[in-house]
Amino acid sequence: MDDELEYLRQKRAQERLAEIERKASFQGVVPLSEITFNTFLSENRFAVVDFWAEWCGPCKRVAPVIEALSHEMAGLVAFGKCNTDEAPGIARQFNITAIPTIILYANGKMIDRVTGAVPKETLHSVILRAFGLPPGAEPV
């Protein structure tokens, strides 16, 4: 009985460690280029991409929001940043005419977009609704 209990404890500890490692691998915002953009979308079921530029004041205000959400939603949603000055082809492809523009993709397809520096709570709600995730969703 004690051996079985110890085995279950060790197994659970290994599962929790694996979950932590998996979540850590998803955390953070991935810089995207014209070379990496399509791969990023194809490798992530749910993706949020922040289209921005270095000179853009509102973009600088939304950057910490994107970073925070990338950590909070790690394992559920992947987050990327695409500098429109460095990737003008992608900006044209998605008709980016104002920045920041945040586009949500599911299975590589654009499903929603938000233009302007929105509050964290607003963006979080948009992401949950667009991807059909419940407020307390766990990583998959």
N, C-alpha and C. Protein backbone atom coordinates (compact mmCIF):
# COMPACT_ATOMS: atom_id res chain seq x y z
N MET A 1 0.83 -1.20 0.00
CA MET A 1 0.00 0.00 0.00
C MET A 1 0.87 1.26 0.00
N ASP A 2 1.91 1.29 0.86
CA ASP A 2 2.80 2.44 0.90
C ASP A 2 3.57 2.61 -0.40
N ASP A 3 4.00 1.49 -0.98
CA ASP A 3 4.73 1.55 -2.25
C ASP A 3 3.84 2.12 -3.36
N GLU A 4 2.59 1.70 -3.36
CA GLU A 4 1.66 2.18 -4.37
C GLU A 4 1.39 3.68 -4.21
N LEU A 5 1.25 4.13 -2.98
CA LEU A 5 1.03 5.54 -2.70
C LEU A 5 2.25 6.36 -3.11
N GLU A 6 3.43 5.87 -2.82
CA GLU A 6 4.66 6.57 -3.20
C GLU A 6 4.78 6.64 -4.73
N TYR A 7 4.43 5.54 -5.39
CA TYR A 7 4.46 5.51 -6.86
C TYR A 7 3.52 6.58 -7.43
N LEU A 8 2.31 6.66 -6.88
CA LEU A 8 1.35 7.65 -7.35
C LEU A 8 1.83 9.08 -7.10
N ARG A 9 2.47 9.31 -5.95
CA ARG A 9 3.01 10.63 -5.65
C ARG A 9 4.10 11.02 -6.66
N GLN A 10 4.98 10.08 -6.93
CA GLN A 10 6.06 10.35 -7.88
C GLN A 10 5.52 10.59 -9.29
N LYS A 11 4.54 9.80 -9.66
CA LYS A 11 3.95 9.95 -10.98
C LYS A 11 3.29 11.33 -11.11
N ARG A 12 2.56 11.73 -10.10
CA ARG A 12 1.90 13.04 -10.10
C ARG A 12 2.94 14.17 -10.14
N ALA A 13 4.02 14.01 -9.39
CA ALA A 13 5.08 15.02 -9.40
C ALA A 13 5.70 15.14 -10.79
N GLN A 14 5.91 14.02 -11.45
CA GLN A 14 6.47 14.04 -12.81
C GLN A 14 5.50 14.70 -13.78
N GLU A 15 4.21 14.43 -13.64
CA GLU A 15 3.21 15.05 -14.50
C GLU A 15 3.17 16.56 -14.31
N ARG A 16 3.27 17.00 -13.07
CA ARG A 16 3.24 18.44 -12.78
C ARG A 16 4.49 19.12 -13.34
N LEU A 17 5.65 18.45 -13.22
CA LEU A 17 6.88 19.00 -13.76
C LEU A 17 6.79 19.11 -15.28
N ALA A 18 6.26 18.08 -15.92
CA ALA A 18 6.09 18.10 -17.38
C ALA A 18 5.16 19.23 -17.80
N GLU A 19 4.10 19.45 -17.03
CA GLU A 19 3.15 20.53 -17.34
C GLU A 19 3.82 21.89 -17.20
N ILE A 20 4.62 22.07 -16.17
CA ILE A 20 5.34 23.33 -15.97
C ILE A 20 6.31 23.57 -17.11
N GLU A 21 7.04 22.54 -17.51
CA GLU A 21 7.98 22.67 -18.62
C GLU A 21 7.26 23.00 -19.92
N ARG A 22 6.12 22.36 -20.14
CA ARG A 22 5.35 22.60 -21.36
C ARG A 22 4.84 24.04 -21.39
N LYS A 23 4.33 24.52 -20.26
CA LYS A 23 3.85 25.89 -20.19
C LYS A 23 5.00 26.88 -20.39
N ALA A 24 6.15 26.58 -19.83
CA ALA A 24 7.30 27.47 -19.96
C ALA A 24 7.72 27.59 -21.42
N SER A 25 7.59 26.52 -22.17
CA SER A 25 8.00 26.56 -23.57
C SER A 25 7.07 27.44 -24.41
N PHE A 26 5.86 27.69 -23.95
CA PHE A 26 4.90 28.51 -24.68
C PHE A 26 4.94 29.97 -24.24
N GLN A 27 5.57 30.26 -23.13
CA GLN A 27 5.51 31.62 -22.59
C GLN A 27 6.31 32.60 -23.42
N GLY A 28 5.87 33.82 -23.40
CA GLY A 28 6.58 34.89 -24.07
C GLY A 28 5.99 35.19 -25.44
N VAL A 29 6.41 36.33 -25.96
CA VAL A 29 5.95 36.79 -27.26
C VAL A 29 7.06 36.51 -28.27
N VAL A 30 6.70 35.85 -29.35
CA VAL A 30 7.66 35.45 -30.38
C VAL A 30 7.78 36.55 -31.43
N PRO A 31 9.00 37.05 -31.67
CA PRO A 31 9.16 38.01 -32.76
C PRO A 31 8.98 37.30 -34.10
N LEU A 32 8.19 37.88 -34.99
CA LEU A 32 7.89 37.26 -36.27
C LEU A 32 8.45 38.08 -37.42
N SER A 33 8.86 37.38 -38.46
CA SER A 33 9.36 38.02 -39.67
C SER A 33 8.62 37.44 -40.87
N GLU A 34 8.94 37.95 -42.04
CA GLU A 34 8.30 37.40 -43.24
C GLU A 34 8.69 35.94 -43.44
N ILE A 35 9.82 35.53 -42.88
CA ILE A 35 10.28 34.14 -43.00
C ILE A 35 9.57 33.23 -42.00
N THR A 36 9.35 33.71 -40.79
CA THR A 36 8.81 32.84 -39.72
C THR A 36 7.30 32.94 -39.52
N PHE A 37 6.66 33.92 -40.13
CA PHE A 37 5.25 34.20 -39.86
C PHE A 37 4.34 33.00 -40.14
N ASN A 38 4.40 32.44 -41.33
CA ASN A 38 3.49 31.34 -41.69
C ASN A 38 3.75 30.09 -40.85
N THR A 39 5.00 29.83 -40.52
CA THR A 39 5.33 28.68 -39.68
C THR A 39 4.71 28.85 -38.30
N PHE A 40 4.82 30.05 -37.75
CA PHE A 40 4.23 30.34 -36.43
C PHE A 40 2.73 30.05 -36.44
N LEU A 41 2.04 30.52 -37.49
CA LEU A 41 0.59 30.29 -37.56
C LEU A 41 0.27 28.81 -37.72
N SER A 42 1.05 28.10 -38.52
CA SER A 42 0.75 26.68 -38.76
C SER A 42 1.07 25.81 -37.55
N GLU A 43 1.98 26.24 -36.70
CA GLU A 43 2.37 25.44 -35.54
C GLU A 43 1.52 25.69 -34.30
N ASN A 44 0.65 26.68 -34.36
CA ASN A 44 -0.14 27.05 -33.19
C ASN A 44 -1.62 27.09 -33.53
N ARG A 45 -2.39 26.27 -32.81
CA ARG A 45 -3.84 26.22 -33.06
C ARG A 45 -4.48 27.59 -32.88
N PHE A 46 -4.15 28.25 -31.76
CA PHE A 46 -4.65 29.60 -31.49
C PHE A 46 -3.46 30.53 -31.41
N ALA A 47 -3.49 31.61 -32.18
CA ALA A 47 -2.38 32.57 -32.19
C ALA A 47 -2.91 33.99 -32.20
N VAL A 48 -2.20 34.86 -31.50
CA VAL A 48 -2.50 36.29 -31.46
C VAL A 48 -1.24 37.00 -31.94
N VAL A 49 -1.39 37.85 -32.95
CA VAL A 49 -0.23 38.57 -33.48
C VAL A 49 -0.46 40.07 -33.34
N ASP A 50 0.51 40.71 -32.71
CA ASP A 50 0.51 42.17 -32.52
C ASP A 50 1.33 42.79 -33.65
N PHE A 51 0.66 43.55 -34.52
CA PHE A 51 1.34 44.27 -35.58
C PHE A 51 1.69 45.65 -35.04
N TRP A 52 2.96 46.02 -35.10
CA TRP A 52 3.45 47.21 -34.42
C TRP A 52 4.61 47.82 -35.20
N ALA A 53 5.10 48.97 -34.71
CA ALA A 53 6.32 49.60 -35.23
C ALA A 53 7.02 50.30 -34.06
N GLU A 54 8.32 50.41 -34.19
CA GLU A 54 9.16 51.00 -33.14
C GLU A 54 8.75 52.43 -32.79
N TRP A 55 8.35 53.22 -33.77
CA TRP A 55 8.04 54.63 -33.58
C TRP A 55 6.63 54.89 -33.05
N CYS A 56 5.83 53.85 -32.89
CA CYS A 56 4.41 53.97 -32.56
C CYS A 56 4.18 54.02 -31.04
N GLY A 57 3.70 55.17 -30.55
CA GLY A 57 3.44 55.33 -29.12
C GLY A 57 2.39 54.36 -28.58
N PRO A 58 1.21 54.24 -29.22
CA PRO A 58 0.21 53.29 -28.74
C PRO A 58 0.73 51.84 -28.76
N CYS A 59 1.62 51.53 -29.70
CA CYS A 59 2.19 50.18 -29.76
C CYS A 59 3.00 49.89 -28.49
N LYS A 60 3.70 50.91 -28.02
CA LYS A 60 4.51 50.75 -26.80
C LYS A 60 3.62 50.56 -25.57
N ARG A 61 2.41 51.13 -25.62
CA ARG A 61 1.48 50.94 -24.50
C ARG A 61 0.86 49.55 -24.51
N VAL A 62 0.65 48.97 -25.69
CA VAL A 62 0.01 47.66 -25.77
C VAL A 62 1.03 46.52 -25.58
N ALA A 63 2.30 46.79 -25.79
CA ALA A 63 3.32 45.73 -25.68
C ALA A 63 3.31 45.01 -24.33
N PRO A 64 3.25 45.73 -23.19
CA PRO A 64 3.20 45.01 -21.91
C PRO A 64 1.92 44.20 -21.71
N VAL A 65 0.84 44.64 -22.33
CA VAL A 65 -0.43 43.90 -22.27
C VAL A 65 -0.27 42.56 -22.98
N ILE A 66 0.31 42.60 -24.17
CA ILE A 66 0.55 41.38 -24.95
C ILE A 66 1.48 40.44 -24.18
N GLU A 67 2.53 41.01 -23.62
CA GLU A 67 3.50 40.20 -22.85
C GLU A 67 2.82 39.53 -21.65
N ALA A 68 2.04 40.28 -20.90
CA ALA A 68 1.35 39.72 -19.73
C ALA A 68 0.38 38.61 -20.14
N LEU A 69 -0.39 38.84 -21.19
CA LEU A 69 -1.35 37.82 -21.64
C LEU A 69 -0.63 36.58 -22.15
N SER A 70 0.54 36.76 -22.75
CA SER A 70 1.28 35.60 -23.25
C SER A 70 1.67 34.67 -22.10
N HIS A 71 1.95 35.23 -20.95
CA HIS A 71 2.29 34.41 -19.78
C HIS A 71 1.04 33.83 -19.14
N GLU A 72 0.00 34.63 -19.02
CA GLU A 72 -1.24 34.16 -18.40
C GLU A 72 -1.93 33.07 -19.22
N MET A 73 -1.79 33.13 -20.54
CA MET A 73 -2.49 32.19 -21.41
C MET A 73 -1.53 31.15 -22.02
N ALA A 74 -0.36 31.02 -21.41
CA ALA A 74 0.64 30.07 -21.90
C ALA A 74 0.04 28.67 -21.96
N GLY A 75 0.31 27.99 -23.05
CA GLY A 75 -0.21 26.64 -23.24
C GLY A 75 -1.57 26.61 -23.90
N LEU A 76 -2.23 27.76 -23.97
CA LEU A 76 -3.54 27.86 -24.63
C LEU A 76 -3.43 28.62 -25.95
N VAL A 77 -2.75 29.76 -25.88
CA VAL A 77 -2.67 30.67 -27.01
C VAL A 77 -1.21 31.09 -27.19
N ALA A 78 -0.74 31.11 -28.43
CA ALA A 78 0.60 31.59 -28.73
C ALA A 78 0.52 33.07 -29.12
N PHE A 79 1.52 33.84 -28.73
CA PHE A 79 1.55 35.27 -29.01
C PHE A 79 2.79 35.62 -29.81
N GLY A 80 2.59 36.44 -30.84
CA GLY A 80 3.70 36.90 -31.66
C GLY A 80 3.61 38.39 -31.91
N LYS A 81 4.75 38.97 -32.31
CA LYS A 81 4.82 40.39 -32.66
C LYS A 81 5.41 40.50 -34.05
N CYS A 82 4.79 41.31 -34.88
CA CYS A 82 5.27 41.50 -36.25
C CYS A 82 5.48 42.99 -36.49
N ASN A 83 6.74 43.40 -36.65
CA ASN A 83 7.08 44.79 -36.92
C ASN A 83 6.73 45.10 -38.37
N THR A 84 5.77 45.99 -38.57
CA THR A 84 5.28 46.28 -39.92
C THR A 84 6.32 46.97 -40.79
N ASP A 85 7.28 47.66 -40.18
CA ASP A 85 8.35 48.29 -40.96
C ASP A 85 9.32 47.24 -41.50
N GLU A 86 9.50 46.15 -40.75
CA GLU A 86 10.43 45.10 -41.15
C GLU A 86 9.76 44.00 -41.97
N ALA A 87 8.44 43.94 -41.95
CA ALA A 87 7.69 42.91 -42.69
C ALA A 87 6.52 43.56 -43.43
N PRO A 88 6.81 44.46 -44.37
CA PRO A 88 5.73 45.17 -45.06
C PRO A 88 4.84 44.26 -45.90
N GLY A 89 5.37 43.15 -46.37
CA GLY A 89 4.56 42.22 -47.16
C GLY A 89 3.44 41.61 -46.34
N ILE A 90 3.75 41.24 -45.11
CA ILE A 90 2.73 40.67 -44.23
C ILE A 90 1.70 41.74 -43.88
N ALA A 91 2.18 42.96 -43.62
CA ALA A 91 1.26 44.06 -43.30
C ALA A 91 0.28 44.29 -44.46
N ARG A 92 0.78 44.24 -45.69
CA ARG A 92 -0.10 44.40 -46.85
C ARG A 92 -1.06 43.22 -46.98
N GLN A 93 -0.54 42.01 -46.76
CA GLN A 93 -1.36 40.81 -46.89
C GLN A 93 -2.58 40.86 -45.98
N PHE A 94 -2.42 41.41 -44.78
CA PHE A 94 -3.53 41.46 -43.82
C PHE A 94 -4.15 42.86 -43.72
N ASN A 95 -3.84 43.70 -44.70
CA ASN A 95 -4.44 45.02 -44.80
C ASN A 95 -4.29 45.83 -43.51
N ILE A 96 -3.07 45.86 -42.99
CA ILE A 96 -2.80 46.63 -41.78
C ILE A 96 -2.63 48.09 -42.19
N THR A 97 -3.58 48.93 -41.84
CA THR A 97 -3.54 50.35 -42.19
C THR A 97 -3.35 51.24 -40.98
N ALA A 98 -3.49 50.67 -39.79
CA ALA A 98 -3.28 51.41 -38.54
C ALA A 98 -2.65 50.45 -37.54
N ILE A 99 -1.78 51.00 -36.70
CA ILE A 99 -1.16 50.17 -35.67
C ILE A 99 -1.31 50.85 -34.32
N PRO A 100 -1.35 50.06 -33.25
CA PRO A 100 -1.26 48.61 -33.26
C PRO A 100 -2.56 47.97 -33.78
N THR A 101 -2.37 46.89 -34.50
CA THR A 101 -3.48 46.02 -34.88
C THR A 101 -3.14 44.64 -34.36
N ILE A 102 -4.08 44.03 -33.68
CA ILE A 102 -3.89 42.70 -33.10
C ILE A 102 -4.84 41.76 -33.84
N ILE A 103 -4.27 40.74 -34.47
CA ILE A 103 -5.09 39.80 -35.23
C ILE A 103 -5.05 38.44 -34.54
N LEU A 104 -6.23 37.83 -34.44
CA LEU A 104 -6.38 36.51 -33.84
C LEU A 104 -6.56 35.48 -34.95
N TYR A 105 -5.81 34.39 -34.85
CA TYR A 105 -5.85 33.32 -35.84
C TYR A 105 -6.20 32.01 -35.16
N ALA A 106 -7.06 31.24 -35.80
CA ALA A 106 -7.37 29.88 -35.35
C ALA A 106 -7.07 28.95 -36.51
N ASN A 107 -6.21 27.98 -36.25
CA ASN A 107 -5.81 27.03 -37.29
C ASN A 107 -5.31 27.74 -38.54
N GLY A 108 -4.55 28.81 -38.35
CA GLY A 108 -3.94 29.54 -39.45
C GLY A 108 -4.83 30.54 -40.16
N LYS A 109 -6.09 30.62 -39.77
CA LYS A 109 -7.04 31.53 -40.43
C LYS A 109 -7.37 32.70 -39.51
N MET A 110 -7.41 33.90 -40.09
CA MET A 110 -7.76 35.09 -39.32
C MET A 110 -9.24 35.01 -38.92
N ILE A 111 -9.51 35.18 -37.61
CA ILE A 111 -10.90 35.10 -37.16
C ILE A 111 -11.39 36.40 -36.50
N ASP A 112 -10.45 37.27 -36.10
CA ASP A 112 -10.87 38.53 -35.47
C ASP A 112 -9.68 39.48 -35.48
N ARG A 113 -9.96 40.76 -35.29
CA ARG A 113 -8.89 41.75 -35.20
C ARG A 113 -9.33 42.91 -34.32
N VAL A 114 -8.35 43.52 -33.67
CA VAL A 114 -8.58 44.66 -32.79
C VAL A 114 -7.57 45.72 -33.21
N THR A 115 -8.04 46.93 -33.43
CA THR A 115 -7.14 48.02 -33.79
C THR A 115 -7.10 49.03 -32.66
N GLY A 116 -5.89 49.45 -32.31
CA GLY A 116 -5.70 50.42 -31.25
C GLY A 116 -5.23 49.77 -29.97
N ALA A 117 -4.77 50.61 -29.06
CA ALA A 117 -4.27 50.14 -27.77
C ALA A 117 -5.46 49.96 -26.82
N VAL A 118 -5.90 48.73 -26.68
CA VAL A 118 -7.05 48.43 -25.82
C VAL A 118 -6.57 47.95 -24.46
N PRO A 119 -7.40 48.10 -23.43
CA PRO A 119 -7.03 47.62 -22.10
C PRO A 119 -6.87 46.10 -22.08
N LYS A 120 -6.08 45.64 -21.15
CA LYS A 120 -5.80 44.20 -21.01
C LYS A 120 -7.08 43.39 -20.87
N GLU A 121 -8.00 43.84 -20.03
CA GLU A 121 -9.24 43.09 -19.78
C GLU A 121 -10.06 42.95 -21.06
N THR A 122 -10.08 44.01 -21.86
CA THR A 122 -10.82 43.98 -23.12
C THR A 122 -10.21 42.97 -24.07
N LEU A 123 -8.89 43.02 -24.23
CA LEU A 123 -8.22 42.09 -25.14
C LEU A 123 -8.37 40.65 -24.66
N HIS A 124 -8.26 40.45 -23.36
CA HIS A 124 -8.43 39.11 -22.79
C HIS A 124 -9.82 38.56 -23.13
N SER A 125 -10.83 39.38 -22.97
CA SER A 125 -12.21 38.96 -23.29
C SER A 125 -12.37 38.65 -24.77
N VAL A 126 -11.79 39.48 -25.63
CA VAL A 126 -11.87 39.24 -27.07
C VAL A 126 -11.23 37.90 -27.42
N ILE A 127 -10.08 37.63 -26.82
CA ILE A 127 -9.36 36.37 -27.10
C ILE A 127 -10.19 35.17 -26.64
N LEU A 128 -10.72 35.21 -25.43
CA LEU A 128 -11.52 34.09 -24.92
C LEU A 128 -12.73 33.85 -25.82
N ARG A 129 -13.42 34.92 -26.18
CA ARG A 129 -14.61 34.79 -27.01
C ARG A 129 -14.27 34.27 -28.41
N ALA A 130 -13.24 34.82 -29.03
CA ALA A 130 -12.88 34.44 -30.40
C ALA A 130 -12.48 32.97 -30.50
N PHE A 131 -11.77 32.48 -29.49
CA PHE A 131 -11.29 31.10 -29.52
C PHE A 131 -12.23 30.13 -28.81
N GLY A 132 -13.33 30.66 -28.26
CA GLY A 132 -14.30 29.81 -27.58
C GLY A 132 -13.75 29.19 -26.31
N LEU A 133 -12.89 29.92 -25.61
CA LEU A 133 -12.28 29.42 -24.38
C LEU A 133 -13.08 29.92 -23.17
N PRO A 134 -13.30 29.04 -22.19
CA PRO A 134 -13.97 29.50 -20.97
C PRO A 134 -13.01 30.35 -20.14
N PRO A 135 -13.51 31.24 -19.28
CA PRO A 135 -12.66 32.13 -18.51
C PRO A 135 -11.57 31.41 -17.71
N GLY A 136 -11.81 30.24 -17.20
CA GLY A 136 -10.81 29.52 -16.41
C GLY A 136 -10.14 28.39 -17.17
N ALA A 137 -10.00 28.55 -18.49
CA ALA A 137 -9.49 27.46 -19.33
C ALA A 137 -8.09 27.04 -18.91
N GLU A 138 -7.84 25.74 -18.97
CA GLU A 138 -6.54 25.17 -18.66
C GLU A 138 -5.78 24.91 -19.95
N PRO A 139 -4.45 24.93 -19.90
CA PRO A 139 -3.67 24.63 -21.10
C PRO A 139 -3.99 23.24 -21.65
N VAL A 140 -3.91 23.12 -22.97
CA VAL A 140 -4.19 21.84 -23.62
C VAL A 140 -2.91 21.20 -24.13
